[in-house]
Amino acid sequence: MEPASQRSRNCSWCMVFRFLLKLAIFSLICSIQIASGGPNVFFNLTALAAGACIVLALRSRELPLGRSLNYWDEALVVGLISHLGKGHPGLG
């Protein structure tokens, strides 16, 4: 895989699309699970996604404070969503 410095500038839009797609899929999975009487695992899925983003960032050798959005930024936002949900007693 090529280093992050050699990628195109459209990488930021790819990251935004990936992020929104993950949230949509997690919301769909959790809504089906809640409708069937199961617990809400949305924030557990976001914590796992943050870990996966960190692994992918390390694998693709991306810089944490790069010029465009990358897996590090996605891991930060998804991890923040996870911690905000787990901090609320009614959600986590």
Protein backbone atom coordinates (compact mmCIF):
# COMPACT_ATOMS: atom_id res chain seq x y z
CA MET A 1 0.00 0.00 0.00
CA GLU A 2 1.34 3.43 -0.87
CA PRO A 3 2.20 5.96 1.85
CA ALA A 4 -0.43 8.51 2.77
CA SER A 5 1.66 11.37 1.36
CA GLN A 6 1.24 9.96 -2.18
CA ARG A 7 -2.56 9.72 -2.15
CA SER A 8 -4.87 12.10 -3.94
CA ARG A 9 -6.52 15.11 -2.35
CA ASN A 10 -9.94 13.46 -2.63
CA CYS A 11 -9.05 11.29 0.35
CA SER A 12 -10.94 13.66 2.68
CA TRP A 13 -14.18 13.08 0.80
CA CYS A 14 -13.56 9.33 0.92
CA MET A 15 -13.15 9.52 4.70
CA VAL A 16 -16.36 11.50 5.13
CA PHE A 17 -18.23 9.00 2.95
CA ARG A 18 -16.78 6.04 4.91
CA PHE A 19 -17.73 7.67 8.20
CA LEU A 20 -21.32 8.37 7.15
CA LEU A 21 -21.68 4.89 5.67
CA LYS A 22 -20.47 3.30 8.92
CA LEU A 23 -22.91 5.34 10.98
CA ALA A 24 -25.79 4.43 8.66
CA ILE A 25 -24.96 0.72 8.79
CA PHE A 26 -24.52 0.77 12.59
CA SER A 27 -27.84 2.60 12.98
CA LEU A 28 -29.60 0.06 10.76
CA ILE A 29 -28.14 -2.91 12.66
CA CYS A 30 -28.99 -1.39 16.04
CA SER A 31 -32.52 -0.41 15.05
CA ILE A 32 -33.20 -3.99 13.95
CA GLN A 33 -31.71 -5.29 17.19
CA ILE A 34 -33.70 -2.89 19.39
CA ALA A 35 -36.91 -3.71 17.49
CA SER A 36 -36.36 -7.39 18.22
CA GLY A 37 -35.96 -6.68 21.93
CA GLY A 38 -32.17 -6.73 22.20
CA PRO A 39 -29.90 -4.21 23.89
CA ASN A 40 -28.51 -1.14 22.15
CA VAL A 41 -25.00 -1.98 20.94
CA PHE A 42 -24.44 1.13 18.79
CA PHE A 43 -21.77 2.54 21.06
CA ASN A 44 -20.01 -0.83 21.34
CA LEU A 45 -19.88 -1.01 17.54
CA THR A 46 -18.44 2.51 17.36
CA ALA A 47 -15.72 1.55 19.86
CA LEU A 48 -14.80 -1.45 17.70
CA ALA A 49 -14.81 0.76 14.59
CA ALA A 50 -12.43 3.21 16.29
CA GLY A 51 -10.05 0.36 17.03
CA ALA A 52 -10.29 -0.86 13.44
CA CYS A 53 -9.54 2.64 12.15
CA ILE A 54 -6.41 2.79 14.31
CA VAL A 55 -5.22 -0.56 12.96
CA LEU A 56 -5.89 0.57 9.37
CA ALA A 57 -4.07 3.87 9.98
CA LEU A 58 -1.03 2.02 11.28
CA ARG A 59 -1.15 -0.44 8.39
CA SER A 60 -1.36 2.29 5.75
CA ARG A 61 1.33 4.40 7.48
CA GLU A 62 -0.81 7.53 7.72
CA LEU A 63 0.35 10.55 9.67
CA PRO A 64 -1.89 11.56 12.62
CA LEU A 65 -1.97 15.23 11.65
CA GLY A 66 -1.89 14.95 7.87
CA ARG A 67 -3.02 17.49 5.32
CA SER A 68 -6.23 15.63 4.53
CA LEU A 69 -8.63 13.62 6.64
CA ASN A 70 -7.52 10.04 7.21
CA TYR A 71 -8.13 7.00 9.42
CA TRP A 72 -6.68 8.79 12.47
CA ASP A 73 -9.31 11.51 12.21
CA GLU A 74 -12.05 8.94 11.67
CA ALA A 75 -10.87 6.97 14.73
CA LEU A 76 -10.95 10.15 16.81
CA VAL A 77 -14.51 11.06 15.81
CA VAL A 78 -15.88 7.52 16.12
CA GLY A 79 -14.14 7.08 19.48
CA LEU A 80 -15.62 10.37 20.68
CA ILE A 81 -19.11 9.20 19.69
CA SER A 82 -18.49 5.95 21.56
CA HIS A 83 -17.39 7.69 24.76
CA LEU A 84 -20.20 10.24 24.65
CA GLY A 85 -22.78 7.47 24.39
CA LYS A 86 -21.25 5.35 27.13
CA GLY A 87 -21.14 8.36 29.44
CA HIS A 88 -24.90 8.85 29.23
CA PRO A 89 -26.69 6.46 31.62
CA GLY A 90 -29.71 5.86 29.39
CA LEU A 91 -27.77 5.12 26.22
CA GLY A 92 -24.73 2.99 27.02
